[in-house]
Amino acid sequence: MGGWSDGRGDMAAADGTAGGAHTGGVRITVRVRPRSARPGVGGHHDEALVVRVSERAADGKATAAALALVAAEFGVSRGSVTVVAGARSRVKILDVAGADPATLERLLAR
C-alpha cells in the first residue's frame, strides 16, 4: 500500500473510490517519531511521511503534536487534519482537508 495519494495513485479511499484523495485535500500515511531532539516534518520511511515530535508517546501527546505539525506544514487549521487510522500507533493515516499535493511532494523530498 502506498504512503499517500493525491488522486493519481492506486490507494483505495475509505469511501471505496480509487485514489484516496478527497476534494481539496490529501490522504497521507505518516510515521511519528516521538521524543525527537529536532521536531519537524520531512523525509520518508517505508513510504510514510516522517513527523518528528519532542513529546513522549503517552496519553496522545505525540499524536496531538504530530497533527499540529502536519497542519502547520500544509498551511491548514489543526481541525483540517483528521486521523483515519492508527490513532494509537506510530504509523497513522491522515486526511488533510484543503492541502496542496505539491506540498506533500516537497515534504517527502526533504
C-alpha atoms as a PDB file:
ATOM      1  CA  MET A   1       0.000   0.000   0.000  1.00  0.00           C
ATOM      2  CA  GLY A   2       1.315   3.446  -0.910  1.00  0.00           C
ATOM      3  CA  GLY A   3       2.134   6.050   1.684  1.00  0.00           C
ATOM      4  CA  TRP A   4      -0.006   8.812   0.248  1.00  0.00           C
ATOM      5  CA  SER A   5      -2.373   9.670  -2.521  1.00  0.00           C
ATOM      6  CA  ASP A   6      -3.264  12.824  -4.364  1.00  0.00           C
ATOM      7  CA  GLY A   7      -5.810  11.171  -6.623  1.00  0.00           C
ATOM      8  CA  ARG A   8      -3.251   9.893  -9.116  1.00  0.00           C
ATOM      9  CA  GLY A   9      -2.193   6.790  -7.159  1.00  0.00           C
ATOM     10  CA  ASP A  10      -3.826   3.432  -6.679  1.00  0.00           C
ATOM     11  CA  MET A  11      -4.638   3.717  -2.982  1.00  0.00           C
ATOM     12  CA  ALA A  12      -8.285   2.997  -2.166  1.00  0.00           C
ATOM     13  CA  ALA A  13     -10.223   5.656  -0.330  1.00  0.00           C
ATOM     14  CA  ALA A  14     -12.421   4.964   2.671  1.00  0.00           C
ATOM     15  CA  ASP A  15     -15.492   5.583   0.503  1.00  0.00           C
ATOM     16  CA  GLY A  16     -14.368   2.904  -1.962  1.00  0.00           C
ATOM     17  CA  THR A  17     -13.348   5.227  -4.756  1.00  0.00           C
ATOM     18  CA  ALA A  18      -9.977   4.943  -6.418  1.00  0.00           C
ATOM     19  CA  GLY A  19      -7.406   7.483  -5.403  1.00  0.00           C
ATOM     20  CA  GLY A  20      -7.739   8.125  -1.697  1.00  0.00           C
ATOM     21  CA  ALA A  21      -7.753  11.885  -2.146  1.00  0.00           C
ATOM     22  CA  HIS A  22     -10.714  13.980  -1.167  1.00  0.00           C
ATOM     23  CA  THR A  23     -11.842  17.124  -2.858  1.00  0.00           C
ATOM     24  CA  GLY A  24      -9.428  19.823  -1.833  1.00  0.00           C
ATOM     25  CA  GLY A  25      -7.126  17.654   0.243  1.00  0.00           C
ATOM     26  CA  VAL A  26      -4.846  14.650   0.509  1.00  0.00           C
ATOM     27  CA  ARG A  27      -4.735  11.387   2.425  1.00  0.00           C
ATOM     28  CA  ILE A  28      -1.288  10.575   3.746  1.00  0.00           C
ATOM     29  CA  THR A  29       0.458   7.926   5.776  1.00  0.00           C
ATOM     30  CA  VAL A  30       2.754   9.346   8.439  1.00  0.00           C
ATOM     31  CA  ARG A  31       5.275   7.774  10.787  1.00  0.00           C
ATOM     32  CA  VAL A  32       5.519   9.639  14.083  1.00  0.00           C
ATOM     33  CA  ARG A  33       8.903   9.694  15.813  1.00  0.00           C
ATOM     34  CA  PRO A  34       8.332  10.770  19.422  1.00  0.00           C
ATOM     35  CA  ARG A  35      10.979  12.277  21.719  1.00  0.00           C
ATOM     36  CA  SER A  36      12.908  13.746  18.821  1.00  0.00           C
ATOM     37  CA  ALA A  37      15.572  16.336  19.552  1.00  0.00           C
ATOM     38  CA  ARG A  38      14.621  18.228  16.365  1.00  0.00           C
ATOM     39  CA  PRO A  39      10.849  18.330  15.777  1.00  0.00           C
ATOM     40  CA  GLY A  40       9.722  18.750  12.189  1.00  0.00           C
ATOM     41  CA  VAL A  41       8.135  17.196   9.143  1.00  0.00           C
ATOM     42  CA  GLY A  42      10.023  15.799   6.195  1.00  0.00           C
ATOM     43  CA  GLY A  43      11.518  12.768   4.567  1.00  0.00           C
ATOM     44  CA  HIS A  44      10.034   9.324   4.326  1.00  0.00           C
ATOM     45  CA  HIS A  45      10.288   5.895   5.946  1.00  0.00           C
ATOM     46  CA  ASP A  46       8.659   2.881   4.269  1.00  0.00           C
ATOM     47  CA  GLU A  47       6.623   5.229   2.032  1.00  0.00           C
ATOM     48  CA  ALA A  48       5.316   7.219   5.009  1.00  0.00           C
ATOM     49  CA  LEU A  49       5.958  10.909   5.653  1.00  0.00           C
ATOM     50  CA  VAL A  50       8.128  11.269   8.769  1.00  0.00           C
ATOM     51  CA  VAL A  51       6.855  13.561  11.549  1.00  0.00           C
ATOM     52  CA  ARG A  52       9.302  14.157  14.404  1.00  0.00           C
ATOM     53  CA  VAL A  53       7.899  15.470  17.696  1.00  0.00           C
ATOM     54  CA  SER A  54       9.548  16.196  21.042  1.00  0.00           C
ATOM     55  CA  GLU A  55       6.593  14.886  23.072  1.00  0.00           C
ATOM     56  CA  ARG A  56       6.502  11.386  24.542  1.00  0.00           C
ATOM     57  CA  ALA A  57       4.271   8.697  23.063  1.00  0.00           C
ATOM     58  CA  ALA A  58       1.962   8.715  26.079  1.00  0.00           C
ATOM     59  CA  ASP A  59      -1.584   9.953  26.614  1.00  0.00           C
ATOM     60  CA  GLY A  60      -1.887  11.036  22.973  1.00  0.00           C
ATOM     61  CA  LYS A  61       0.639  13.844  23.377  1.00  0.00           C
ATOM     62  CA  ALA A  62       2.825  12.758  20.463  1.00  0.00           C
ATOM     63  CA  THR A  63      -0.218  12.326  18.217  1.00  0.00           C
ATOM     64  CA  ALA A  64      -1.565  15.772  19.084  1.00  0.00           C
ATOM     65  CA  ALA A  65       1.829  17.334  18.404  1.00  0.00           C
ATOM     66  CA  ALA A  66       2.156  15.451  15.113  1.00  0.00           C
ATOM     67  CA  LEU A  67      -1.254  16.622  13.908  1.00  0.00           C
ATOM     68  CA  ALA A  68      -0.386  20.219  14.784  1.00  0.00           C
ATOM     69  CA  LEU A  69       2.926  19.995  12.894  1.00  0.00           C
ATOM     70  CA  VAL A  70       1.260  18.466   9.824  1.00  0.00           C
ATOM     71  CA  ALA A  71      -1.382  21.210   9.846  1.00  0.00           C
ATOM     72  CA  ALA A  72       1.281  23.918  10.083  1.00  0.00           C
ATOM     73  CA  GLU A  73       3.345  22.445   7.238  1.00  0.00           C
ATOM     74  CA  PHE A  74       0.321  22.238   4.945  1.00  0.00           C
ATOM     75  CA  GLY A  75      -0.888  25.705   5.957  1.00  0.00           C
ATOM     76  CA  VAL A  76      -4.278  24.489   7.195  1.00  0.00           C
ATOM     77  CA  SER A  77      -6.018  24.657  10.553  1.00  0.00           C
ATOM     78  CA  ARG A  78      -5.484  21.887  13.078  1.00  0.00           C
ATOM     79  CA  GLY A  79      -9.147  20.906  12.619  1.00  0.00           C
ATOM     80  CA  SER A  80      -8.477  20.196   8.938  1.00  0.00           C
ATOM     81  CA  VAL A  81      -6.256  17.234   9.875  1.00  0.00           C
ATOM     82  CA  THR A  82      -8.100  14.087  10.925  1.00  0.00           C
ATOM     83  CA  VAL A  83      -6.864  10.631  11.865  1.00  0.00           C
ATOM     84  CA  VAL A  84      -8.387   7.949   9.640  1.00  0.00           C
ATOM     85  CA  ALA A  85      -6.464   5.021  11.138  1.00  0.00           C
ATOM     86  CA  GLY A  86      -3.716   4.397  13.680  1.00  0.00           C
ATOM     87  CA  ALA A  87      -4.658   6.854  16.416  1.00  0.00           C
ATOM     88  CA  ARG A  88      -2.596   4.889  18.956  1.00  0.00           C
ATOM     89  CA  SER A  89       0.116   3.726  16.559  1.00  0.00           C
ATOM     90  CA  ARG A  90       3.290   5.366  15.307  1.00  0.00           C
ATOM     91  CA  VAL A  91       2.055   4.830  11.744  1.00  0.00           C
ATOM     92  CA  LYS A  92      -1.120   6.788  11.035  1.00  0.00           C
ATOM     93  CA  ILE A  93      -3.297   7.560   8.043  1.00  0.00           C
ATOM     94  CA  LEU A  94      -4.408  11.184   7.971  1.00  0.00           C
ATOM     95  CA  ASP A  95      -6.799  13.217   5.867  1.00  0.00           C
ATOM     96  CA  VAL A  96      -5.640  16.797   5.365  1.00  0.00           C
ATOM     97  CA  ALA A  97      -8.517  18.912   4.050  1.00  0.00           C
ATOM     98  CA  GLY A  98      -7.514  21.867   1.915  1.00  0.00           C
ATOM     99  CA  ALA A  99      -3.952  20.595   1.443  1.00  0.00           C
ATOM    100  CA  ASP A 100      -1.998  21.067  -1.759  1.00  0.00           C
ATOM    101  CA  PRO A 101      -0.477  17.819  -3.128  1.00  0.00           C
ATOM    102  CA  ALA A 102       2.615  19.805  -4.182  1.00  0.00           C
ATOM    103  CA  THR A 103       3.344  20.483  -0.509  1.00  0.00           C
ATOM    104  CA  LEU A 104       3.342  16.761   0.154  1.00  0.00           C
ATOM    105  CA  GLU A 105       5.807  16.186  -2.680  1.00  0.00           C
ATOM    106  CA  ARG A 106       8.094  18.847  -1.205  1.00  0.00           C
ATOM    107  CA  LEU A 107       7.925  17.357   2.295  1.00  0.00           C
ATOM    108  CA  LEU A 108       8.659  13.835   1.094  1.00  0.00           C
ATOM    109  CA  ALA A 109      11.710  15.110  -0.812  1.00  0.00           C
ATOM    110  CA  ARG A 110      13.286  16.694   2.311  1.00  0.00           C
END
